[in-house]
Amino acid sequence: MKKTLAIVCFVLAAGVLGYWAADGQHMANQFKILKVTMVDDGFGEMEKEETWVEEFHLGLMDGALPAALGFVGLGAGLFFLDMRAKKKAA
């Protein structure tokens, strides 16, 4: 049972880092993103229109890495406890 939970923890750690990589690999959490669009002003010239949009992007240092390290630590601890229990039983 502990071994299965340890494997689940490692898979969750890989999933968190995979989500972070797929989301754009930001170093810190971002909650507002600048969106720049080019708009025709009616006289044939293009103007930049900047708007701030509320979105969430997972950051490495304050989101993904602590979560992944927590899952890896928990998984390693569970593997250790499983090996210790098997040694004790043998």
C-alpha atoms as a PDB file:
ATOM      1  CA  MET A   1       0.000   0.000   0.000  1.00  0.00           C
ATOM      2  CA  LYS A   2       2.789   2.409   0.909  1.00  0.00           C
ATOM      3  CA  LYS A   3       4.631   1.596  -2.293  1.00  0.00           C
ATOM      4  CA  THR A   4       1.526   2.374  -4.347  1.00  0.00           C
ATOM      5  CA  LEU A   5       1.047   5.698  -2.552  1.00  0.00           C
ATOM      6  CA  ALA A   6       4.713   6.519  -3.144  1.00  0.00           C
ATOM      7  CA  ILE A   7       4.326   5.911  -6.876  1.00  0.00           C
ATOM      8  CA  VAL A   8       1.202   8.089  -6.894  1.00  0.00           C
ATOM      9  CA  CYS A   9       3.201  10.869  -5.180  1.00  0.00           C
ATOM     10  CA  PHE A  10       5.929  10.660  -7.834  1.00  0.00           C
ATOM     11  CA  VAL A  11       3.330  10.779 -10.614  1.00  0.00           C
ATOM     12  CA  LEU A  12       1.716  13.836  -9.000  1.00  0.00           C
ATOM     13  CA  ALA A  13       5.118  15.550  -8.788  1.00  0.00           C
ATOM     14  CA  ALA A  14       5.707  14.860 -12.474  1.00  0.00           C
ATOM     15  CA  GLY A  15       2.205  16.139 -13.245  1.00  0.00           C
ATOM     16  CA  VAL A  16       2.780  19.417 -11.384  1.00  0.00           C
ATOM     17  CA  LEU A  17       6.063  20.023 -13.211  1.00  0.00           C
ATOM     18  CA  GLY A  18       4.461  19.002 -16.510  1.00  0.00           C
ATOM     19  CA  TYR A  19       1.639  21.485 -16.002  1.00  0.00           C
ATOM     20  CA  TRP A  20       4.169  24.201 -15.141  1.00  0.00           C
ATOM     21  CA  ALA A  21       6.156  23.420 -18.311  1.00  0.00           C
ATOM     22  CA  ALA A  22       3.043  23.410 -20.496  1.00  0.00           C
ATOM     23  CA  ASP A  23       1.777  26.670 -18.955  1.00  0.00           C
ATOM     24  CA  GLY A  24       4.803  28.667 -20.076  1.00  0.00           C
ATOM     25  CA  GLN A  25       7.548  27.998 -17.508  1.00  0.00           C
ATOM     26  CA  HIS A  26       7.159  31.200 -15.482  1.00  0.00           C
ATOM     27  CA  MET A  27       9.485  31.746 -12.516  1.00  0.00           C
ATOM     28  CA  ALA A  28       6.773  33.310 -10.321  1.00  0.00           C
ATOM     29  CA  ASN A  29       2.977  33.134 -10.161  1.00  0.00           C
ATOM     30  CA  GLN A  30       1.316  35.607 -12.502  1.00  0.00           C
ATOM     31  CA  PHE A  31      -2.205  36.819 -11.905  1.00  0.00           C
ATOM     32  CA  LYS A  32      -2.482  39.675 -14.441  1.00  0.00           C
ATOM     33  CA  ILE A  33      -1.227  39.363 -18.007  1.00  0.00           C
ATOM     34  CA  LEU A  34      -0.700  42.225 -20.446  1.00  0.00           C
ATOM     35  CA  LYS A  35      -2.511  41.579 -23.743  1.00  0.00           C
ATOM     36  CA  VAL A  36      -1.462  43.759 -26.684  1.00  0.00           C
ATOM     37  CA  THR A  37      -3.683  43.931 -29.766  1.00  0.00           C
ATOM     38  CA  MET A  38      -3.243  45.985 -32.924  1.00  0.00           C
ATOM     39  CA  VAL A  39      -6.372  48.018 -33.776  1.00  0.00           C
ATOM     40  CA  ASP A  40      -7.082  50.003 -36.938  1.00  0.00           C
ATOM     41  CA  ASP A  41      -7.775  53.643 -35.989  1.00  0.00           C
ATOM     42  CA  GLY A  42      -9.995  54.330 -39.013  1.00  0.00           C
ATOM     43  CA  PHE A  43      -7.366  56.263 -40.963  1.00  0.00           C
ATOM     44  CA  GLY A  44      -5.352  53.274 -42.115  1.00  0.00           C
ATOM     45  CA  GLU A  45      -2.889  53.286 -39.246  1.00  0.00           C
ATOM     46  CA  MET A  46      -2.524  50.576 -36.632  1.00  0.00           C
ATOM     47  CA  GLU A  47      -2.488  51.449 -32.941  1.00  0.00           C
ATOM     48  CA  LYS A  48      -1.499  49.284 -30.029  1.00  0.00           C
ATOM     49  CA  GLU A  49      -4.238  48.593 -27.525  1.00  0.00           C
ATOM     50  CA  GLU A  50      -2.974  47.247 -24.182  1.00  0.00           C
ATOM     51  CA  THR A  51      -5.282  45.601 -21.658  1.00  0.00           C
ATOM     52  CA  TRP A  52      -4.556  43.744 -18.435  1.00  0.00           C
ATOM     53  CA  VAL A  53      -6.406  40.431 -18.184  1.00  0.00           C
ATOM     54  CA  GLU A  54      -6.720  38.444 -14.953  1.00  0.00           C
ATOM     55  CA  GLU A  55      -5.299  34.973 -15.526  1.00  0.00           C
ATOM     56  CA  PHE A  56      -3.317  32.549 -13.424  1.00  0.00           C
ATOM     57  CA  HIS A  57      -0.021  31.073 -14.556  1.00  0.00           C
ATOM     58  CA  LEU A  58       1.799  28.711 -12.195  1.00  0.00           C
ATOM     59  CA  GLY A  59       5.275  29.828 -11.185  1.00  0.00           C
ATOM     60  CA  LEU A  60       8.263  27.619 -10.460  1.00  0.00           C
ATOM     61  CA  MET A  61       9.666  29.144  -7.288  1.00  0.00           C
ATOM     62  CA  ASP A  62       6.410  29.847  -5.448  1.00  0.00           C
ATOM     63  CA  GLY A  63       4.182  27.095  -6.745  1.00  0.00           C
ATOM     64  CA  ALA A  64       5.436  24.189  -8.807  1.00  0.00           C
ATOM     65  CA  LEU A  65       8.801  23.470  -7.191  1.00  0.00           C
ATOM     66  CA  PRO A  66       7.619  23.401  -3.552  1.00  0.00           C
ATOM     67  CA  ALA A  67       4.657  21.195  -4.482  1.00  0.00           C
ATOM     68  CA  ALA A  68       6.796  18.814  -6.542  1.00  0.00           C
ATOM     69  CA  LEU A  69       9.475  18.595  -3.843  1.00  0.00           C
ATOM     70  CA  GLY A  70       6.792  17.911  -1.246  1.00  0.00           C
ATOM     71  CA  PHE A  71       5.380  15.057  -3.315  1.00  0.00           C
ATOM     72  CA  VAL A  72       8.874  13.652  -3.972  1.00  0.00           C
ATOM     73  CA  GLY A  73       9.750  13.843  -0.281  1.00  0.00           C
ATOM     74  CA  LEU A  74       6.514  12.154   0.725  1.00  0.00           C
ATOM     75  CA  GLY A  75       7.052   9.456  -1.914  1.00  0.00           C
ATOM     76  CA  ALA A  76      10.639   8.839  -0.793  1.00  0.00           C
ATOM     77  CA  GLY A  77       9.497   8.611   2.825  1.00  0.00           C
ATOM     78  CA  LEU A  78       6.797   6.118   1.924  1.00  0.00           C
ATOM     79  CA  PHE A  79       9.293   4.003  -0.052  1.00  0.00           C
ATOM     80  CA  PHE A  80      11.635   4.058   2.940  1.00  0.00           C
ATOM     81  CA  LEU A  81       8.862   3.000   5.325  1.00  0.00           C
ATOM     82  CA  ASP A  82       7.818   0.207   2.935  1.00  0.00           C
ATOM     83  CA  MET A  83      11.370  -1.134   2.694  1.00  0.00           C
ATOM     84  CA  ARG A  84      11.770  -0.945   6.464  1.00  0.00           C
ATOM     85  CA  ALA A  85       8.523  -2.849   7.043  1.00  0.00           C
ATOM     86  CA  LYS A  86       9.596  -5.568   4.561  1.00  0.00           C
ATOM     87  CA  LYS A  87      12.972  -5.935   6.300  1.00  0.00           C
ATOM     88  CA  LYS A  88      11.308  -6.187   9.669  1.00  0.00           C
ATOM     89  CA  ALA A  89       8.870  -8.856   8.433  1.00  0.00           C
ATOM     90  CA  ALA A  90      11.636 -10.971   6.881  1.00  0.00           C
END
